[in-house]
PDB file of N, CA and C in Angstrom:
ATOM      1  N   MET A   1      16.246  66.173 147.898  1.00  0.00           N
ATOM      2  CA  MET A   1      15.665  67.234 148.685  1.00  0.00           C
ATOM      3  C   MET A   1      14.320  67.632 148.076  1.00  0.00           C
ATOM      4  N   LYS A   2      13.306  67.691 148.903  1.00  0.00           N
ATOM      5  CA  LYS A   2      11.978  68.110 148.456  1.00  0.00           C
ATOM      6  C   LYS A   2      11.809  69.595 148.699  1.00  0.00           C
ATOM      7  N   LEU A   3      11.295  70.279 147.690  1.00  0.00           N
ATOM      8  CA  LEU A   3      10.988  71.697 147.832  1.00  0.00           C
ATOM      9  C   LEU A   3       9.512  71.856 148.128  1.00  0.00           C
ATOM     10  N   ASN A   4       9.191  72.861 148.908  1.00  0.00           N
ATOM     11  CA  ASN A   4       7.777  73.105 149.160  1.00  0.00           C
ATOM     12  C   ASN A   4       7.184  73.910 148.007  1.00  0.00           C
ATOM     13  N   LEU A   5       5.906  74.110 148.045  1.00  0.00           N
ATOM     14  CA  LEU A   5       5.207  74.784 146.950  1.00  0.00           C
ATOM     15  C   LEU A   5       5.763  76.185 146.703  1.00  0.00           C
ATOM     16  N   ALA A   6       5.983  76.946 147.765  1.00  0.00           N
ATOM     17  CA  ALA A   6       6.492  78.311 147.617  1.00  0.00           C
ATOM     18  C   ALA A   6       7.844  78.306 146.898  1.00  0.00           C
ATOM     19  N   GLU A   7       8.735  77.423 147.314  1.00  0.00           N
ATOM     20  CA  GLU A   7      10.060  77.336 146.688  1.00  0.00           C
ATOM     21  C   GLU A   7       9.955  76.911 145.229  1.00  0.00           C
ATOM     22  N   ASN A   8       9.038  76.017 144.935  1.00  0.00           N
ATOM     23  CA  ASN A   8       8.862  75.568 143.554  1.00  0.00           C
ATOM     24  C   ASN A   8       8.342  76.673 142.652  1.00  0.00           C
ATOM     25  N   ILE A   9       7.398  77.455 143.127  1.00  0.00           N
ATOM     26  CA  ILE A   9       6.865  78.554 142.314  1.00  0.00           C
ATOM     27  C   ILE A   9       7.989  79.533 141.985  1.00  0.00           C
ATOM     28  N   CYS A  10       8.763  79.893 142.976  1.00  0.00           N
ATOM     29  CA  CYS A  10       9.868  80.832 142.782  1.00  0.00           C
ATOM     30  C   CYS A  10      10.915  80.249 141.828  1.00  0.00           C
ATOM     31  N   ARG A  11      11.274  78.987 142.041  1.00  0.00           N
ATOM     32  CA  ARG A  11      12.278  78.340 141.187  1.00  0.00           C
ATOM     33  C   ARG A  11      11.823  78.282 139.742  1.00  0.00           C
ATOM     34  N   LEU A  12      10.585  77.874 139.514  1.00  0.00           N
ATOM     35  CA  LEU A  12      10.070  77.762 138.157  1.00  0.00           C
ATOM     36  C   LEU A  12       9.986  79.117 137.472  1.00  0.00           C
ATOM     37  N   ARG A  13       9.589  80.131 138.212  1.00  0.00           N
ATOM     38  CA  ARG A  13       9.536  81.477 137.649  1.00  0.00           C
ATOM     39  C   ARG A  13      10.926  81.922 137.210  1.00  0.00           C
ATOM     40  N   LYS A  14      11.913  81.693 138.060  1.00  0.00           N
ATOM     41  CA  LYS A  14      13.281  82.100 137.742  1.00  0.00           C
ATOM     42  C   LYS A  14      13.851  81.276 136.587  1.00  0.00           C
ATOM     43  N   GLU A  15      13.531  79.976 136.532  1.00  0.00           N
ATOM     44  CA  GLU A  15      13.981  79.130 135.417  1.00  0.00           C
ATOM     45  C   GLU A  15      13.415  79.616 134.091  1.00  0.00           C
ATOM     46  N   ASN A  16      12.247  80.247 134.144  1.00  0.00           N
ATOM     47  CA  ASN A  16      11.618  80.801 132.943  1.00  0.00           C
ATOM     48  C   ASN A  16      12.049  82.248 132.696  1.00  0.00           C
ATOM     49  N   ASN A  17      13.055  82.700 133.451  1.00  0.00           N
ATOM     50  CA  ASN A  17      13.581  84.065 133.321  1.00  0.00           C
ATOM     51  C   ASN A  17      12.480  85.109 133.391  1.00  0.00           C
ATOM     52  N   MET A  18      11.592  84.932 134.364  1.00  0.00           N
ATOM     53  CA  MET A  18      10.466  85.856 134.537  1.00  0.00           C
ATOM     54  C   MET A  18      10.591  86.577 135.870  1.00  0.00           C
ATOM     55  N   THR A  19      10.194  87.831 135.857  1.00  0.00           N
ATOM     56  CA  THR A  19      10.038  88.560 137.108  1.00  0.00           C
ATOM     57  C   THR A  19       8.651  88.244 137.661  1.00  0.00           C
ATOM     58  N   GLN A  20       8.433  88.622 138.906  1.00  0.00           N
ATOM     59  CA  GLN A  20       7.087  88.458 139.458  1.00  0.00           C
ATOM     60  C   GLN A  20       6.078  89.262 138.655  1.00  0.00           C
ATOM     61  N   GLU A  21       6.481  90.424 138.189  1.00  0.00           N
ATOM     62  CA  GLU A  21       5.586  91.266 137.397  1.00  0.00           C
ATOM     63  C   GLU A  21       5.220  90.592 136.077  1.00  0.00           C
ATOM     64  N   GLN A  22       6.191  89.950 135.436  1.00  0.00           N
ATOM     65  CA  GLN A  22       5.924  89.256 134.170  1.00  0.00           C
ATOM     66  C   GLN A  22       5.006  88.063 134.394  1.00  0.00           C
ATOM     67  N   LEU A  23       5.222  87.330 135.486  1.00  0.00           N
ATOM     68  CA  LEU A  23       4.345  86.198 135.792  1.00  0.00           C
ATOM     69  C   LEU A  23       2.947  86.701 136.107  1.00  0.00           C
ATOM     70  N   ALA A  24       2.855  87.814 136.803  1.00  0.00           N
ATOM     71  CA  ALA A  24       1.551  88.399 137.099  1.00  0.00           C
ATOM     72  C   ALA A  24       0.813  88.742 135.814  1.00  0.00           C
ATOM     73  N   GLU A  25       1.522  89.338 134.869  1.00  0.00           N
ATOM     74  CA  GLU A  25       0.904  89.696 133.593  1.00  0.00           C
ATOM     75  C   GLU A  25       0.458  88.454 132.824  1.00  0.00           C
ATOM     76  N   ALA A  26       1.272  87.392 132.872  1.00  0.00           N
ATOM     77  CA  ALA A  26       0.960  86.164 132.135  1.00  0.00           C
ATOM     78  C   ALA A  26      -0.206  85.392 132.750  1.00  0.00           C
ATOM     79  N   THR A  27      -0.436  85.577 134.052  1.00  0.00           N
ATOM     80  CA  THR A  27      -1.449  84.786 134.739  1.00  0.00           C
ATOM     81  C   THR A  27      -2.691  85.564 135.137  1.00  0.00           C
ATOM     82  N   GLY A  28      -2.581  86.895 135.185  1.00  0.00           N
ATOM     83  CA  GLY A  28      -3.687  87.698 135.692  1.00  0.00           C
ATOM     84  C   GLY A  28      -3.762  87.684 137.208  1.00  0.00           C
ATOM     85  N   ILE A  29      -2.707  87.186 137.846  1.00  0.00           N
ATOM     86  CA  ILE A  29      -2.631  87.170 139.315  1.00  0.00           C
ATOM     87  C   ILE A  29      -1.808  88.386 139.731  1.00  0.00           C
ATOM     88  N   HIS A  30      -2.266  89.136 140.710  1.00  0.00           N
ATOM     89  CA  HIS A  30      -1.546  90.321 141.141  1.00  0.00           C
ATOM     90  C   HIS A  30      -0.131  89.965 141.601  1.00  0.00           C
ATOM     91  N   GLN A  31       0.814  90.833 141.312  1.00  0.00           N
ATOM     92  CA  GLN A  31       2.211  90.609 141.700  1.00  0.00           C
ATOM     93  C   GLN A  31       2.329  90.423 143.212  1.00  0.00           C
ATOM     94  N   ALA A  32       1.586  91.184 143.978  1.00  0.00           N
ATOM     95  CA  ALA A  32       1.646  91.055 145.437  1.00  0.00           C
ATOM     96  C   ALA A  32       1.211  89.658 145.878  1.00  0.00           C
ATOM     97  N   ASP A  33       0.232  89.087 145.189  1.00  0.00           N
ATOM     98  CA  ASP A  33      -0.215  87.727 145.516  1.00  0.00           C
ATOM     99  C   ASP A  33       0.850  86.701 145.146  1.00  0.00           C
ATOM    100  N   ILE A  34       1.537  86.908 144.037  1.00  0.00           N
ATOM    101  CA  ILE A  34       2.626  86.007 143.658  1.00  0.00           C
ATOM    102  C   ILE A  34       3.738  86.081 144.701  1.00  0.00           C
ATOM    103  N   SER A  35       4.041  87.271 145.159  1.00  0.00           N
ATOM    104  CA  SER A  35       5.044  87.441 146.209  1.00  0.00           C
ATOM    105  C   SER A  35       4.653  86.677 147.464  1.00  0.00           C
ATOM    106  N   ARG A  36       3.384  86.783 147.871  1.00  0.00           N
ATOM    107  CA  ARG A  36       2.918  86.064 149.059  1.00  0.00           C
ATOM    108  C   ARG A  36       3.015  84.548 148.864  1.00  0.00           C
ATOM    109  N   LEU A  37       2.692  84.073 147.661  1.00  0.00           N
ATOM    110  CA  LEU A  37       2.800  82.636 147.377  1.00  0.00           C
ATOM    111  C   LEU A  37       4.251  82.176 147.469  1.00  0.00           C
ATOM    112  N   GLU A  38       5.160  82.973 146.902  1.00  0.00           N
ATOM    113  CA  GLU A  38       6.583  82.608 146.907  1.00  0.00           C
ATOM    114  C   GLU A  38       7.188  82.661 148.303  1.00  0.00           C
ATOM    115  N   HIS A  39       6.621  83.486 149.180  1.00  0.00           N
ATOM    116  CA  HIS A  39       7.124  83.577 150.547  1.00  0.00           C
ATOM    117  C   HIS A  39       6.401  82.618 151.496  1.00  0.00           C
ATOM    118  N   GLY A  40       5.434  81.891 150.965  1.00  0.00           N
ATOM    119  CA  GLY A  40       4.731  80.904 151.771  1.00  0.00           C
ATOM    120  C   GLY A  40       3.738  81.500 152.748  1.00  0.00           C
ATOM    121  N   THR A  41       3.320  82.740 152.512  1.00  0.00           N
ATOM    122  CA  THR A  41       2.363  83.369 153.417  1.00  0.00           C
ATOM    123  C   THR A  41       0.939  83.340 152.875  1.00  0.00           C
ATOM    124  N   ALA A  42       0.754  82.672 151.737  1.00  0.00           N
ATOM    125  CA  ALA A  42      -0.584  82.504 151.162  1.00  0.00           C
ATOM    126  C   ALA A  42      -0.680  81.102 150.582  1.00  0.00           C
ATOM    127  N   ASN A  43      -1.868  80.572 150.602  1.00  0.00           N
ATOM    128  CA  ASN A  43      -2.123  79.260 150.025  1.00  0.00           C
ATOM    129  C   ASN A  43      -2.983  79.427 148.781  1.00  0.00           C
ATOM    130  N   PRO A  44      -2.486  78.940 147.632  1.00  0.00           N
ATOM    131  CA  PRO A  44      -3.237  79.136 146.395  1.00  0.00           C
ATOM    132  C   PRO A  44      -4.418  78.175 146.273  1.00  0.00           C
ATOM    133  N   SER A  45      -5.451  78.653 145.622  1.00  0.00           N
ATOM    134  CA  SER A  45      -6.584  77.792 145.284  1.00  0.00           C
ATOM    135  C   SER A  45      -6.174  76.919 144.089  1.00  0.00           C
ATOM    136  N   LEU A  46      -6.969  75.940 143.792  1.00  0.00           N
ATOM    137  CA  LEU A  46      -6.726  75.101 142.619  1.00  0.00           C
ATOM    138  C   LEU A  46      -6.749  75.959 141.357  1.00  0.00           C
ATOM    139  N   ARG A  47      -7.662  76.891 141.285  1.00  0.00           N
ATOM    140  CA  ARG A  47      -7.754  77.798 140.124  1.00  0.00           C
ATOM    141  C   ARG A  47      -6.459  78.606 139.968  1.00  0.00           C
ATOM    142  N   THR A  48      -5.929  79.109 141.071  1.00  0.00           N
ATOM    143  CA  THR A  48      -4.683  79.868 141.028  1.00  0.00           C
ATOM    144  C   THR A  48      -3.525  78.986 140.584  1.00  0.00           C
ATOM    145  N   LEU A  49      -3.472  77.763 141.068  1.00  0.00           N
ATOM    146  CA  LEU A  49      -2.404  76.838 140.655  1.00  0.00           C
ATOM    147  C   LEU A  49      -2.473  76.574 139.151  1.00  0.00           C
ATOM    148  N   LYS A  50      -3.681  76.417 138.628  1.00  0.00           N
ATOM    149  CA  LYS A  50      -3.836  76.199 137.190  1.00  0.00           C
ATOM    150  C   LYS A  50      -3.360  77.411 136.406  1.00  0.00           C
ATOM    151  N   ARG A  51      -3.681  78.603 136.881  1.00  0.00           N
ATOM    152  CA  ARG A  51      -3.248  79.831 136.208  1.00  0.00           C
ATOM    153  C   ARG A  51      -1.729  79.982 136.271  1.00  0.00           C
ATOM    154  N   LEU A  52      -1.125  79.658 137.408  1.00  0.00           N
ATOM    155  CA  LEU A  52       0.331  79.709 137.528  1.00  0.00           C
ATOM    156  C   LEU A  52       0.986  78.735 136.560  1.00  0.00           C
ATOM    157  N   ALA A  53       0.473  77.512 136.518  1.00  0.00           N
ATOM    158  CA  ALA A  53       1.038  76.511 135.612  1.00  0.00           C
ATOM    159  C   ALA A  53       0.953  76.992 134.172  1.00  0.00           C
ATOM    160  N   ALA A  54      -0.189  77.491 133.771  1.00  0.00           N
ATOM    161  CA  ALA A  54      -0.356  77.973 132.396  1.00  0.00           C
ATOM    162  C   ALA A  54       0.593  79.131 132.109  1.00  0.00           C
ATOM    163  N   GLY A  55       0.731  80.038 133.045  1.00  0.00           N
ATOM    164  CA  GLY A  55       1.616  81.179 132.866  1.00  0.00           C
ATOM    165  C   GLY A  55       3.078  80.788 132.757  1.00  0.00           C
ATOM    166  N   LEU A  56       3.416  79.630 133.314  1.00  0.00           N
ATOM    167  CA  LEU A  56       4.778  79.107 133.249  1.00  0.00           C
ATOM    168  C   LEU A  56       4.951  78.124 132.090  1.00  0.00           C
ATOM    169  N   GLY A  57       3.907  77.983 131.261  1.00  0.00           N
ATOM    170  CA  GLY A  57       3.982  77.067 130.121  1.00  0.00           C
ATOM    171  C   GLY A  57       3.917  75.612 130.521  1.00  0.00           C
ATOM    172  N   MET A  58       3.222  75.340 131.613  1.00  0.00           N
ATOM    173  CA  MET A  58       3.129  73.982 132.134  1.00  0.00           C
ATOM    174  C   MET A  58       1.662  73.597 132.304  1.00  0.00           C
ATOM    175  N   THR A  59       1.437  72.340 132.633  1.00  0.00           N
ATOM    176  CA  THR A  59       0.114  71.886 133.034  1.00  0.00           C
ATOM    177  C   THR A  59       0.200  71.443 134.492  1.00  0.00           C
ATOM    178  N   LEU A  60      -0.904  71.484 135.164  1.00  0.00           N
ATOM    179  CA  LEU A  60      -0.955  71.102 136.575  1.00  0.00           C
ATOM    180  C   LEU A  60      -1.278  69.626 136.690  1.00  0.00           C
ATOM    181  N   LYS A  61      -0.507  68.925 137.501  1.00  0.00           N
ATOM    182  CA  LYS A  61      -0.753  67.513 137.770  1.00  0.00           C
ATOM    183  C   LYS A  61      -0.741  67.344 139.285  1.00  0.00           C
ATOM    184  N   ILE A  62      -1.793  66.755 139.798  1.00  0.00           N
ATOM    185  CA  ILE A  62      -1.897  66.537 141.245  1.00  0.00           C
ATOM    186  C   ILE A  62      -1.859  65.041 141.507  1.00  0.00           C
ATOM    187  N   GLU A  63      -1.007  64.644 142.446  1.00  0.00           N
ATOM    188  CA  GLU A  63      -0.890  63.231 142.801  1.00  0.00           C
ATOM    189  C   GLU A  63      -1.062  63.056 144.306  1.00  0.00           C
ATOM    190  N   PHE A  64      -1.641  61.968 144.660  1.00  0.00           N
ATOM    191  CA  PHE A  64      -1.653  61.563 146.065  1.00  0.00           C
ATOM    192  C   PHE A  64      -0.671  60.405 146.167  1.00  0.00           C
ATOM    193  N   VAL A  65       0.288  60.516 147.068  1.00  0.00           N
ATOM    194  CA  VAL A  65       1.299  59.470 147.233  1.00  0.00           C
ATOM    195  C   VAL A  65       1.396  59.098 148.707  1.00  0.00           C
ATOM    196  N   HIS A  66       1.826  57.884 148.933  1.00  0.00           N
ATOM    197  CA  HIS A  66       2.049  57.434 150.320  1.00  0.00           C
ATOM    198  C   HIS A  66       3.261  58.148 150.869  1.00  0.00           C
ATOM    199  N   SER A  67       3.160  58.586 152.089  1.00  0.00           N
ATOM    200  CA  SER A  67       4.320  59.193 152.722  1.00  0.00           C
ATOM    201  C   SER A  67       5.167  58.107 153.379  1.00  0.00           C
ATOM    202  N   ALA A  68       6.418  58.395 153.523  1.00  0.00           N
ATOM    203  CA  ALA A  68       7.364  57.403 154.068  1.00  0.00           C
ATOM    204  C   ALA A  68       7.211  57.246 155.549  1.00  0.00           C
TER     205      ALA A  68
END
């Protein structure tokens, strides 16, 4: 099963035992914006994705793959 970006952000945050407020503090992204990202009502910029990854202790990797 493939998760979309919003589901992945939420899952990773929860796996790191973080609240939206804690992730906001770690990334400098407003909590309301994190909520919008997790609900799929906002699309993050590349800069925002990098900040989210860093705040989650990860690095960002972007791949282009052939679709089935």
